[in-house]
Amino acid sequence: MAFDTEDARKGREDGWFRQNEEKLIEQARAKREAADREKQGAAAEERRKAHWRKCPKCGGDMNVEKISDIEIEKCPSCEGVFFDRGELEQLLLKQEGQRRGFFRKLMGFEEKP
């Protein structure tokens, strides 16, 4: 009989350890996942900062120029011109004479205001 109660006590003890180990494992997993998310967020921010206002063609630093109330990014190295979302649509909605003036200013044929 003593043997049966000892087995029962050990069984409860084993169950208690198993439950606590599962809790500890889950807590460690959650902590690791949170650290991974934070690390990924920091890495994404570093990548964004490293590429901010960099020319996609040559990697040079781009300058922001305002021509006819449209801000464009222009690379002084390769002279590439880049539009943000919506800027090209703004340009296309302008009347023909205004578009021609924009491109003349862009190419340096007219002085920018």
PDB file of N, CA and C in Angstrom:
ATOM      1  N   MET A   1       0.816  -1.189   0.000  1.00  0.00           N
ATOM      2  CA  MET A   1       0.000   0.000   0.000  1.00  0.00           C
ATOM      3  C   MET A   1       0.862   1.256   0.000  1.00  0.00           C
ATOM      4  N   ALA A   2       1.918   1.242   0.743  1.00  0.00           N
ATOM      5  CA  ALA A   2       2.795   2.405   0.799  1.00  0.00           C
ATOM      6  C   ALA A   2       3.366   2.696  -0.584  1.00  0.00           C
ATOM      7  N   PHE A   3       3.569   1.642  -1.305  1.00  0.00           N
ATOM      8  CA  PHE A   3       4.112   1.795  -2.650  1.00  0.00           C
ATOM      9  C   PHE A   3       3.142   2.551  -3.557  1.00  0.00           C
ATOM     10  N   ASP A   4       1.852   2.260  -3.442  1.00  0.00           N
ATOM     11  CA  ASP A   4       0.835   2.912  -4.269  1.00  0.00           C
ATOM     12  C   ASP A   4       0.741   4.402  -3.967  1.00  0.00           C
ATOM     13  N   THR A   5       0.769   4.788  -2.710  1.00  0.00           N
ATOM     14  CA  THR A   5       0.690   6.213  -2.365  1.00  0.00           C
ATOM     15  C   THR A   5       1.953   6.947  -2.799  1.00  0.00           C
ATOM     16  N   GLU A   6       3.079   6.273  -2.721  1.00  0.00           N
ATOM     17  CA  GLU A   6       4.338   6.880  -3.173  1.00  0.00           C
ATOM     18  C   GLU A   6       4.289   7.120  -4.682  1.00  0.00           C
ATOM     19  N   ASP A   7       3.776   6.145  -5.427  1.00  0.00           N
ATOM     20  CA  ASP A   7       3.631   6.313  -6.878  1.00  0.00           C
ATOM     21  C   ASP A   7       2.670   7.452  -7.206  1.00  0.00           C
ATOM     22  N   ALA A   8       1.573   7.530  -6.466  1.00  0.00           N
ATOM     23  CA  ALA A   8       0.593   8.595  -6.701  1.00  0.00           C
ATOM     24  C   ALA A   8       1.213   9.955  -6.423  1.00  0.00           C
ATOM     25  N   ARG A   9       1.983  10.061  -5.340  1.00  0.00           N
ATOM     26  CA  ARG A   9       2.631  11.329  -4.995  1.00  0.00           C
ATOM     27  C   ARG A   9       3.634  11.730  -6.077  1.00  0.00           C
ATOM     28  N   LYS A  10       4.418  10.760  -6.544  1.00  0.00           N
ATOM     29  CA  LYS A  10       5.391  11.036  -7.605  1.00  0.00           C
ATOM     30  C   LYS A  10       4.689  11.421  -8.903  1.00  0.00           C
ATOM     31  N   GLY A  11       3.551  10.793  -9.169  1.00  0.00           N
ATOM     32  CA  GLY A  11       2.789  11.129 -10.373  1.00  0.00           C
ATOM     33  C   GLY A  11       2.289  12.563 -10.326  1.00  0.00           C
ATOM     34  N   ARG A  12       1.786  12.988  -9.156  1.00  0.00           N
ATOM     35  CA  ARG A  12       1.329  14.375  -9.001  1.00  0.00           C
ATOM     36  C   ARG A  12       2.514  15.335  -9.111  1.00  0.00           C
ATOM     37  N   GLU A  13       3.626  14.926  -8.504  1.00  0.00           N
ATOM     38  CA  GLU A  13       4.826  15.756  -8.549  1.00  0.00           C
ATOM     39  C   GLU A  13       5.324  15.897  -9.989  1.00  0.00           C
ATOM     40  N   ASP A  14       5.336  14.787 -10.720  1.00  0.00           N
ATOM     41  CA  ASP A  14       5.742  14.830 -12.125  1.00  0.00           C
ATOM     42  C   ASP A  14       4.815  15.732 -12.936  1.00  0.00           C
ATOM     43  N   GLY A  15       3.523  15.635 -12.668  1.00  0.00           N
ATOM     44  CA  GLY A  15       2.553  16.484 -13.366  1.00  0.00           C
ATOM     45  C   GLY A  15       2.781  17.957 -13.063  1.00  0.00           C
ATOM     46  N   TRP A  16       3.083  18.254 -11.797  1.00  0.00           N
ATOM     47  CA  TRP A  16       3.338  19.639 -11.400  1.00  0.00           C
ATOM     48  C   TRP A  16       4.580  20.176 -12.121  1.00  0.00           C
ATOM     49  N   PHE A  17       5.662  19.398 -12.171  1.00  0.00           N
ATOM     50  CA  PHE A  17       6.875  19.814 -12.862  1.00  0.00           C
ATOM     51  C   PHE A  17       6.618  20.005 -14.359  1.00  0.00           C
ATOM     52  N   ARG A  18       5.867  19.093 -14.948  1.00  0.00           N
ATOM     53  CA  ARG A  18       5.562  19.182 -16.374  1.00  0.00           C
ATOM     54  C   ARG A  18       4.801  20.482 -16.674  1.00  0.00           C
ATOM     55  N   GLN A  19       3.793  20.793 -15.835  1.00  0.00           N
ATOM     56  CA  GLN A  19       3.019  22.020 -16.033  1.00  0.00           C
ATOM     57  C   GLN A  19       3.913  23.251 -15.927  1.00  0.00           C
ATOM     58  N   ASN A  20       4.734  23.299 -14.899  1.00  0.00           N
ATOM     59  CA  ASN A  20       5.605  24.458 -14.702  1.00  0.00           C
ATOM     60  C   ASN A  20       6.655  24.570 -15.800  1.00  0.00           C
ATOM     61  N   GLU A  21       7.180  23.446 -16.255  1.00  0.00           N
ATOM     62  CA  GLU A  21       8.137  23.479 -17.354  1.00  0.00           C
ATOM     63  C   GLU A  21       7.481  23.999 -18.625  1.00  0.00           C
ATOM     64  N   GLU A  22       6.240  23.576 -18.877  1.00  0.00           N
ATOM     65  CA  GLU A  22       5.519  24.064 -20.050  1.00  0.00           C
ATOM     66  C   GLU A  22       5.305  25.571 -19.964  1.00  0.00           C
ATOM     67  N   LYS A  23       4.962  26.064 -18.767  1.00  0.00           N
ATOM     68  CA  LYS A  23       4.788  27.509 -18.579  1.00  0.00           C
ATOM     69  C   LYS A  23       6.096  28.246 -18.832  1.00  0.00           C
ATOM     70  N   LEU A  24       7.184  27.723 -18.276  1.00  0.00           N
ATOM     71  CA  LEU A  24       8.488  28.360 -18.462  1.00  0.00           C
ATOM     72  C   LEU A  24       8.905  28.357 -19.932  1.00  0.00           C
ATOM     73  N   ILE A  25       8.655  27.244 -20.604  1.00  0.00           N
ATOM     74  CA  ILE A  25       8.995  27.151 -22.029  1.00  0.00           C
ATOM     75  C   ILE A  25       8.177  28.165 -22.825  1.00  0.00           C
ATOM     76  N   GLU A  26       6.898  28.279 -22.527  1.00  0.00           N
ATOM     77  CA  GLU A  26       6.033  29.231 -23.235  1.00  0.00           C
ATOM     78  C   GLU A  26       6.465  30.673 -22.961  1.00  0.00           C
ATOM     79  N   GLN A  27       6.820  30.977 -21.723  1.00  0.00           N
ATOM     80  CA  GLN A  27       7.297  32.321 -21.391  1.00  0.00           C
ATOM     81  C   GLN A  27       8.596  32.634 -22.125  1.00  0.00           C
ATOM     82  N   ALA A  28       9.506  31.672 -22.165  1.00  0.00           N
ATOM     83  CA  ALA A  28      10.778  31.868 -22.867  1.00  0.00           C
ATOM     84  C   ALA A  28      10.535  32.058 -24.360  1.00  0.00           C
ATOM     85  N   ARG A  29       9.601  31.291 -24.925  1.00  0.00           N
ATOM     86  CA  ARG A  29       9.272  31.413 -26.345  1.00  0.00           C
ATOM     87  C   ARG A  29       8.699  32.805 -26.642  1.00  0.00           C
ATOM     88  N   ALA A  30       7.775  33.266 -25.803  1.00  0.00           N
ATOM     89  CA  ALA A  30       7.168  34.584 -25.998  1.00  0.00           C
ATOM     90  C   ALA A  30       8.219  35.689 -25.883  1.00  0.00           C
ATOM     91  N   LYS A  31       9.118  35.550 -24.927  1.00  0.00           N
ATOM     92  CA  LYS A  31      10.180  36.539 -24.742  1.00  0.00           C
ATOM     93  C   LYS A  31      11.109  36.570 -25.957  1.00  0.00           C
ATOM     94  N   ARG A  32      11.467  35.387 -26.466  1.00  0.00           N
ATOM     95  CA  ARG A  32      12.343  35.297 -27.633  1.00  0.00           C
ATOM     96  C   ARG A  32      11.672  35.897 -28.864  1.00  0.00           C
ATOM     97  N   GLU A  33      10.376  35.600 -29.057  1.00  0.00           N
ATOM     98  CA  GLU A  33       9.648  36.139 -30.206  1.00  0.00           C
ATOM     99  C   GLU A  33       9.549  37.658 -30.129  1.00  0.00           C
ATOM    100  N   ALA A  34       9.332  38.200 -28.929  1.00  0.00           N
ATOM    101  CA  ALA A  34       9.274  39.656 -28.761  1.00  0.00           C
ATOM    102  C   ALA A  34      10.628  40.283 -29.089  1.00  0.00           C
ATOM    103  N   ALA A  35      11.705  39.649 -28.642  1.00  0.00           N
ATOM    104  CA  ALA A  35      13.049  40.154 -28.938  1.00  0.00           C
ATOM    105  C   ALA A  35      13.328  40.083 -30.435  1.00  0.00           C
ATOM    106  N   ASP A  36      12.884  39.002 -31.092  1.00  0.00           N
ATOM    107  CA  ASP A  36      13.070  38.866 -32.541  1.00  0.00           C
ATOM    108  C   ASP A  36      12.312  39.957 -33.292  1.00  0.00           C
ATOM    109  N   ARG A  37      11.062  40.229 -32.871  1.00  0.00           N
ATOM    110  CA  ARG A  37      10.276  41.284 -33.521  1.00  0.00           C
ATOM    111  C   ARG A  37      10.948  42.642 -33.355  1.00  0.00           C
ATOM    112  N   GLU A  38      11.451  42.899 -32.164  1.00  0.00           N
ATOM    113  CA  GLU A  38      12.130  44.170 -31.909  1.00  0.00           C
ATOM    114  C   GLU A  38      13.389  44.291 -32.764  1.00  0.00           C
ATOM    115  N   LYS A  39      14.134  43.192 -32.865  1.00  0.00           N
ATOM    116  CA  LYS A  39      15.362  43.192 -33.666  1.00  0.00           C
ATOM    117  C   LYS A  39      15.042  43.408 -35.147  1.00  0.00           C
ATOM    118  N   GLN A  40      13.980  42.764 -35.639  1.00  0.00           N
ATOM    119  CA  GLN A  40      13.584  42.932 -37.037  1.00  0.00           C
ATOM    120  C   GLN A  40      13.140  44.364 -37.304  1.00  0.00           C
ATOM    121  N   GLY A  41      12.407  44.945 -36.353  1.00  0.00           N
ATOM    122  CA  GLY A  41      11.973  46.335 -36.503  1.00  0.00           C
ATOM    123  C   GLY A  41      13.157  47.285 -36.549  1.00  0.00           C
ATOM    124  N   ALA A  42      14.142  47.050 -35.692  1.00  0.00           N
ATOM    125  CA  ALA A  42      15.337  47.889 -35.671  1.00  0.00           C
ATOM    126  C   ALA A  42      16.127  47.725 -36.969  1.00  0.00           C
ATOM    127  N   ALA A  43      16.208  46.506 -37.476  1.00  0.00           N
ATOM    128  CA  ALA A  43      16.929  46.266 -38.732  1.00  0.00           C
ATOM    129  C   ALA A  43      16.219  46.948 -39.897  1.00  0.00           C
ATOM    130  N   ALA A  44      14.892  46.902 -39.911  1.00  0.00           N
ATOM    131  CA  ALA A  44      14.132  47.561 -40.976  1.00  0.00           C
ATOM    132  C   ALA A  44      14.338  49.069 -40.918  1.00  0.00           C
ATOM    133  N   GLU A  45      14.369  49.622 -39.725  1.00  0.00           N
ATOM    134  CA  GLU A  45      14.596  51.065 -39.562  1.00  0.00           C
ATOM    135  C   GLU A  45      15.998  51.441 -40.038  1.00  0.00           C
ATOM    136  N   GLU A  46      16.987  50.625 -39.739  1.00  0.00           N
ATOM    137  CA  GLU A  46      18.355  50.876 -40.202  1.00  0.00           C
ATOM    138  C   GLU A  46      18.433  50.839 -41.730  1.00  0.00           C
ATOM    139  N   ARG A  47      17.749  49.852 -42.335  1.00  0.00           N
ATOM    140  CA  ARG A  47      17.739  49.775 -43.801  1.00  0.00           C
ATOM    141  C   ARG A  47      17.084  51.013 -44.397  1.00  0.00           C
ATOM    142  N   ARG A  48      15.975  51.457 -43.785  1.00  0.00           N
ATOM    143  CA  ARG A  48      15.271  52.629 -44.293  1.00  0.00           C
ATOM    144  C   ARG A  48      16.179  53.857 -44.213  1.00  0.00           C
ATOM    145  N   LYS A  49      16.873  54.017 -43.077  1.00  0.00           N
ATOM    146  CA  LYS A  49      17.766  55.163 -42.916  1.00  0.00           C
ATOM    147  C   LYS A  49      18.929  55.101 -43.904  1.00  0.00           C
ATOM    148  N   ALA A  50      19.451  53.914 -44.138  1.00  0.00           N
ATOM    149  CA  ALA A  50      20.586  53.761 -45.047  1.00  0.00           C
ATOM    150  C   ALA A  50      20.211  54.098 -46.487  1.00  0.00           C
ATOM    151  N   HIS A  51      18.940  53.882 -46.861  1.00  0.00           N
ATOM    152  CA  HIS A  51      18.515  54.117 -48.238  1.00  0.00           C
ATOM    153  C   HIS A  51      17.711  55.395 -48.412  1.00  0.00           C
ATOM    154  N   TRP A  52      17.509  56.158 -47.352  1.00  0.00           N
ATOM    155  CA  TRP A  52      16.681  57.358 -47.422  1.00  0.00           C
ATOM    156  C   TRP A  52      17.327  58.390 -48.333  1.00  0.00           C
ATOM    157  N   ARG A  53      16.586  58.813 -49.314  1.00  0.00           N
ATOM    158  CA  ARG A  53      17.020  59.806 -50.302  1.00  0.00           C
ATOM    159  C   ARG A  53      18.295  59.382 -51.036  1.00  0.00           C
ATOM    160  N   LYS A  54      18.413  58.098 -51.283  1.00  0.00           N
ATOM    161  CA  LYS A  54      19.524  57.585 -52.088  1.00  0.00           C
ATOM    162  C   LYS A  54      18.991  57.265 -53.477  1.00  0.00           C
ATOM    163  N   CYS A  55      19.794  57.529 -54.470  1.00  0.00           N
ATOM    164  CA  CYS A  55      19.407  57.271 -55.854  1.00  0.00           C
ATOM    165  C   CYS A  55      19.324  55.759 -56.091  1.00  0.00           C
ATOM    166  N   PRO A  56      18.205  55.274 -56.631  1.00  0.00           N
ATOM    167  CA  PRO A  56      18.101  53.838 -56.895  1.00  0.00           C
ATOM    168  C   PRO A  56      18.992  53.382 -58.051  1.00  0.00           C
ATOM    169  N   LYS A  57      19.450  54.331 -58.856  1.00  0.00           N
ATOM    170  CA  LYS A  57      20.281  53.972 -60.009  1.00  0.00           C
ATOM    171  C   LYS A  57      21.766  53.888 -59.638  1.00  0.00           C
ATOM    172  N   CYS A  58      22.282  54.943 -58.965  1.00  0.00           N
ATOM    173  CA  CYS A  58      23.723  54.967 -58.687  1.00  0.00           C
ATOM    174  C   CYS A  58      24.062  54.962 -57.200  1.00  0.00           C
ATOM    175  N   GLY A  59      23.066  55.149 -56.335  1.00  0.00           N
ATOM    176  CA  GLY A  59      23.304  55.129 -54.895  1.00  0.00           C
ATOM    177  C   GLY A  59      23.736  56.458 -54.308  1.00  0.00           C
ATOM    178  N   GLY A  60      23.841  57.493 -55.145  1.00  0.00           N
ATOM    179  CA  GLY A  60      24.243  58.813 -54.652  1.00  0.00           C
ATOM    180  C   GLY A  60      23.138  59.480 -53.849  1.00  0.00           C
ATOM    181  N   ASP A  61      23.515  60.511 -53.102  1.00  0.00           N
ATOM    182  CA  ASP A  61      22.529  61.276 -52.341  1.00  0.00           C
ATOM    183  C   ASP A  61      21.728  62.153 -53.296  1.00  0.00           C
ATOM    184  N   MET A  62      20.408  62.131 -53.133  1.00  0.00           N
ATOM    185  CA  MET A  62      19.549  62.919 -54.015  1.00  0.00           C
ATOM    186  C   MET A  62      19.199  64.242 -53.355  1.00  0.00           C
ATOM    187  N   ASN A  63      18.940  65.236 -54.189  1.00  0.00           N
ATOM    188  CA  ASN A  63      18.500  66.548 -53.734  1.00  0.00           C
ATOM    189  C   ASN A  63      17.016  66.687 -54.017  1.00  0.00           C
ATOM    190  N   VAL A  64      16.326  67.421 -53.149  1.00  0.00           N
ATOM    191  CA  VAL A  64      14.910  67.694 -53.363  1.00  0.00           C
ATOM    192  C   VAL A  64      14.808  69.054 -54.031  1.00  0.00           C
ATOM    193  N   GLU A  65      14.108  69.105 -55.145  1.00  0.00           N
ATOM    194  CA  GLU A  65      13.888  70.358 -55.857  1.00  0.00           C
ATOM    195  C   GLU A  65      12.400  70.572 -56.015  1.00  0.00           C
ATOM    196  N   LYS A  66      11.987  71.820 -55.867  1.00  0.00           N
ATOM    197  CA  LYS A  66      10.575  72.149 -56.032  1.00  0.00           C
ATOM    198  C   LYS A  66      10.437  72.893 -57.350  1.00  0.00           C
ATOM    199  N   ILE A  67       9.693  72.298 -58.253  1.00  0.00           N
ATOM    200  CA  ILE A  67       9.444  72.893 -59.563  1.00  0.00           C
ATOM    201  C   ILE A  67       7.942  72.924 -59.765  1.00  0.00           C
ATOM    202  N   SER A  68       7.406  74.115 -59.983  1.00  0.00           N
ATOM    203  CA  SER A  68       5.963  74.281 -60.211  1.00  0.00           C
ATOM    204  C   SER A  68       5.150  73.566 -59.143  1.00  0.00           C
ATOM    205  N   ASP A  69       5.387  73.857 -57.903  1.00  0.00           N
ATOM    206  CA  ASP A  69       4.758  73.261 -56.713  1.00  0.00           C
ATOM    207  C   ASP A  69       4.740  71.725 -56.695  1.00  0.00           C
ATOM    208  N   ILE A  70       5.673  71.103 -57.362  1.00  0.00           N
ATOM    209  CA  ILE A  70       5.850  69.651 -57.271  1.00  0.00           C
ATOM    210  C   ILE A  70       7.279  69.407 -56.803  1.00  0.00           C
ATOM    211  N   GLU A  71       7.411  68.681 -55.687  1.00  0.00           N
ATOM    212  CA  GLU A  71       8.741  68.358 -55.180  1.00  0.00           C
ATOM    213  C   GLU A  71       9.219  67.070 -55.838  1.00  0.00           C
ATOM    214  N   ILE A  72      10.381  67.149 -56.440  1.00  0.00           N
ATOM    215  CA  ILE A  72      10.967  65.970 -57.079  1.00  0.00           C
ATOM    216  C   ILE A  72      12.315  65.689 -56.428  1.00  0.00           C
ATOM    217  N   GLU A  73      12.795  64.472 -56.593  1.00  0.00           N
ATOM    218  CA  GLU A  73      14.132  64.116 -56.141  1.00  0.00           C
ATOM    219  C   GLU A  73      15.003  63.990 -57.385  1.00  0.00           C
ATOM    220  N   LYS A  74      16.145  64.669 -57.335  1.00  0.00           N
ATOM    221  CA  LYS A  74      17.049  64.650 -58.481  1.00  0.00           C
ATOM    222  C   LYS A  74      18.440  64.268 -57.989  1.00  0.00           C
ATOM    223  N   CYS A  75      19.057  63.346 -58.699  1.00  0.00           N
ATOM    224  CA  CYS A  75      20.390  62.880 -58.341  1.00  0.00           C
ATOM    225  C   CYS A  75      21.428  63.740 -59.062  1.00  0.00           C
ATOM    226  N   PRO A  76      22.320  64.401 -58.330  1.00  0.00           N
ATOM    227  CA  PRO A  76      23.344  65.208 -58.993  1.00  0.00           C
ATOM    228  C   PRO A  76      24.410  64.355 -59.694  1.00  0.00           C
ATOM    229  N   SER A  77      24.551  63.098 -59.286  1.00  0.00           N
ATOM    230  CA  SER A  77      25.575  62.237 -59.887  1.00  0.00           C
ATOM    231  C   SER A  77      25.175  61.750 -61.275  1.00  0.00           C
ATOM    232  N   CYS A  78      24.026  61.090 -61.367  1.00  0.00           N
ATOM    233  CA  CYS A  78      23.609  60.515 -62.651  1.00  0.00           C
ATOM    234  C   CYS A  78      22.490  61.327 -63.306  1.00  0.00           C
ATOM    235  N   GLU A  79      22.056  62.398 -62.627  1.00  0.00           N
ATOM    236  CA  GLU A  79      21.000  63.291 -63.103  1.00  0.00           C
ATOM    237  C   GLU A  79      19.661  62.588 -63.277  1.00  0.00           C
ATOM    238  N   GLY A  80      19.447  61.512 -62.546  1.00  0.00           N
ATOM    239  CA  GLY A  80      18.154  60.838 -62.557  1.00  0.00           C
ATOM    240  C   GLY A  80      17.119  61.682 -61.830  1.00  0.00           C
ATOM    241  N   VAL A  81      15.886  61.609 -62.300  1.00  0.00           N
ATOM    242  CA  VAL A  81      14.783  62.359 -61.698  1.00  0.00           C
ATOM    243  C   VAL A  81      13.754  61.348 -61.223  1.00  0.00           C
ATOM    244  N   PHE A  82      13.310  61.503 -59.979  1.00  0.00           N
ATOM    245  CA  PHE A  82      12.398  60.533 -59.391  1.00  0.00           C
ATOM    246  C   PHE A  82      11.215  61.240 -58.756  1.00  0.00           C
ATOM    247  N   PHE A  83      10.040  60.661 -58.954  1.00  0.00           N
ATOM    248  CA  PHE A  83       8.799  61.209 -58.426  1.00  0.00           C
ATOM    249  C   PHE A  83       8.299  60.327 -57.297  1.00  0.00           C
ATOM    250  N   ASP A  84       7.734  60.963 -56.269  1.00  0.00           N
ATOM    251  CA  ASP A  84       7.048  60.215 -55.222  1.00  0.00           C
ATOM    252  C   ASP A  84       5.648  59.885 -55.715  1.00  0.00           C
ATOM    253  N   ARG A  85       4.959  59.046 -54.954  1.00  0.00           N
ATOM    254  CA  ARG A  85       3.594  58.655 -55.314  1.00  0.00           C
ATOM    255  C   ARG A  85       2.718  59.902 -55.460  1.00  0.00           C
ATOM    256  N   GLY A  86       2.026  59.983 -56.562  1.00  0.00           N
ATOM    257  CA  GLY A  86       1.079  61.068 -56.788  1.00  0.00           C
ATOM    258  C   GLY A  86       1.669  62.277 -57.491  1.00  0.00           C
ATOM    259  N   GLU A  87       2.988  62.430 -57.490  1.00  0.00           N
ATOM    260  CA  GLU A  87       3.589  63.610 -58.112  1.00  0.00           C
ATOM    261  C   GLU A  87       3.480  63.576 -59.628  1.00  0.00           C
ATOM    262  N   LEU A  88       3.686  62.435 -60.229  1.00  0.00           N
ATOM    263  CA  LEU A  88       3.555  62.339 -61.680  1.00  0.00           C
ATOM    264  C   LEU A  88       2.107  62.583 -62.100  1.00  0.00           C
ATOM    265  N   GLU A  89       1.159  62.081 -61.310  1.00  0.00           N
ATOM    266  CA  GLU A  89      -0.252  62.320 -61.610  1.00  0.00           C
ATOM    267  C   GLU A  89      -0.568  63.803 -61.525  1.00  0.00           C
ATOM    268  N   GLN A  90       0.014  64.502 -60.531  1.00  0.00           N
ATOM    269  CA  GLN A  90      -0.176  65.949 -60.421  1.00  0.00           C
ATOM    270  C   GLN A  90       0.321  66.638 -61.677  1.00  0.00           C
ATOM    271  N   LEU A  91       1.479  66.217 -62.139  1.00  0.00           N
ATOM    272  CA  LEU A  91       2.063  66.811 -63.336  1.00  0.00           C
ATOM    273  C   LEU A  91       1.189  66.555 -64.552  1.00  0.00           C
ATOM    274  N   LEU A  92       0.693  65.338 -64.702  1.00  0.00           N
ATOM    275  CA  LEU A  92      -0.118  64.998 -65.868  1.00  0.00           C
ATOM    276  C   LEU A  92      -1.463  65.715 -65.863  1.00  0.00           C
ATOM    277  N   LEU A  93      -1.953  66.099 -64.689  1.00  0.00           N
ATOM    278  CA  LEU A  93      -3.218  66.820 -64.612  1.00  0.00           C
ATOM    279  C   LEU A  93      -3.071  68.297 -64.971  1.00  0.00           C
ATOM    280  N   LYS A  94      -1.852  68.792 -65.004  1.00  0.00           N
ATOM    281  CA  LYS A  94      -1.633  70.191 -65.387  1.00  0.00           C
ATOM    282  C   LYS A  94      -1.927  70.362 -66.873  1.00  0.00           C
ATOM    283  N   GLN A  95      -2.212  71.590 -67.241  1.00  0.00           N
ATOM    284  CA  GLN A  95      -2.468  71.866 -68.654  1.00  0.00           C
ATOM    285  C   GLN A  95      -1.169  71.747 -69.438  1.00  0.00           C
ATOM    286  N   GLU A  96      -1.290  71.622 -70.741  1.00  0.00           N
ATOM    287  CA  GLU A  96      -0.125  71.348 -71.584  1.00  0.00           C
ATOM    288  C   GLU A  96       0.962  72.403 -71.441  1.00  0.00           C
ATOM    289  N   GLY A  97       0.605  73.654 -71.427  1.00  0.00           N
ATOM    290  CA  GLY A  97       1.592  74.724 -71.296  1.00  0.00           C
ATOM    291  C   GLY A  97       2.335  74.654 -69.970  1.00  0.00           C
ATOM    292  N   GLN A  98       1.611  74.315 -68.912  1.00  0.00           N
ATOM    293  CA  GLN A  98       2.244  74.184 -67.600  1.00  0.00           C
ATOM    294  C   GLN A  98       3.183  72.983 -67.575  1.00  0.00           C
ATOM    295  N   ARG A  99       2.790  71.899 -68.228  1.00  0.00           N
ATOM    296  CA  ARG A  99       3.660  70.711 -68.282  1.00  0.00           C
ATOM    297  C   ARG A  99       4.935  71.025 -69.043  1.00  0.00           C
ATOM    298  N   ARG A 100       4.798  71.730 -70.166  1.00  0.00           N
ATOM    299  CA  ARG A 100       5.971  72.075 -70.969  1.00  0.00           C
ATOM    300  C   ARG A 100       6.922  72.935 -70.133  1.00  0.00           C
ATOM    301  N   GLY A 101       6.367  73.896 -69.401  1.00  0.00           N
ATOM    302  CA  GLY A 101       7.189  74.751 -68.541  1.00  0.00           C
ATOM    303  C   GLY A 101       7.895  73.947 -67.457  1.00  0.00           C
ATOM    304  N   PHE A 102       7.195  72.968 -66.903  1.00  0.00           N
ATOM    305  CA  PHE A 102       7.785  72.114 -65.872  1.00  0.00           C
ATOM    306  C   PHE A 102       8.994  71.382 -66.437  1.00  0.00           C
ATOM    307  N   PHE A 103       8.836  70.781 -67.605  1.00  0.00           N
ATOM    308  CA  PHE A 103       9.940  70.010 -68.186  1.00  0.00           C
ATOM    309  C   PHE A 103      11.086  70.917 -68.626  1.00  0.00           C
ATOM    310  N   ARG A 104      10.786  72.125 -69.085  1.00  0.00           N
ATOM    311  CA  ARG A 104      11.859  73.061 -69.447  1.00  0.00           C
ATOM    312  C   ARG A 104      12.662  73.440 -68.200  1.00  0.00           C
ATOM    313  N   LYS A 105      11.969  73.666 -67.084  1.00  0.00           N
ATOM    314  CA  LYS A 105      12.662  73.988 -65.832  1.00  0.00           C
ATOM    315  C   LYS A 105      13.460  72.780 -65.340  1.00  0.00           C
ATOM    316  N   LEU A 106      12.879  71.619 -65.490  1.00  0.00           N
ATOM    317  CA  LEU A 106      13.540  70.393 -65.057  1.00  0.00           C
ATOM    318  C   LEU A 106      14.844  70.175 -65.821  1.00  0.00           C
ATOM    319  N   MET A 107      14.826  70.443 -67.113  1.00  0.00           N
ATOM    320  CA  MET A 107      16.007  70.228 -67.947  1.00  0.00           C
ATOM    321  C   MET A 107      16.998  71.390 -67.870  1.00  0.00           C
ATOM    322  N   GLY A 108      16.610  72.467 -67.159  1.00  0.00           N
ATOM    323  CA  GLY A 108      17.527  73.587 -66.992  1.00  0.00           C
ATOM    324  C   GLY A 108      17.439  74.621 -68.091  1.00  0.00           C
ATOM    325  N   PHE A 109      16.421  74.564 -68.945  1.00  0.00           N
ATOM    326  CA  PHE A 109      16.275  75.544 -70.012  1.00  0.00           C
ATOM    327  C   PHE A 109      15.683  76.852 -69.500  1.00  0.00           C
ATOM    328  N   GLU A 110      14.989  76.807 -68.391  1.00  0.00           N
ATOM    329  CA  GLU A 110      14.412  78.004 -67.783  1.00  0.00           C
ATOM    330  C   GLU A 110      14.855  78.055 -66.334  1.00  0.00           C
ATOM    331  N   GLU A 111      14.920  79.259 -65.810  1.00  0.00           N
ATOM    332  CA  GLU A 111      15.284  79.433 -64.403  1.00  0.00           C
ATOM    333  C   GLU A 111      14.159  78.952 -63.506  1.00  0.00           C
ATOM    334  N   LYS A 112      14.524  78.298 -62.440  1.00  0.00           N
ATOM    335  CA  LYS A 112      13.533  77.855 -61.453  1.00  0.00           C
ATOM    336  C   LYS A 112      13.177  79.045 -60.574  1.00  0.00           C
ATOM    337  N   PRO A 113      11.912  79.167 -60.180  1.00  0.00           N
ATOM    338  CA  PRO A 113      11.521  80.316 -59.340  1.00  0.00           C
ATOM    339  C   PRO A 113      12.139  80.242 -57.965  1.00  0.00           C
TER     340      PRO A 113
END
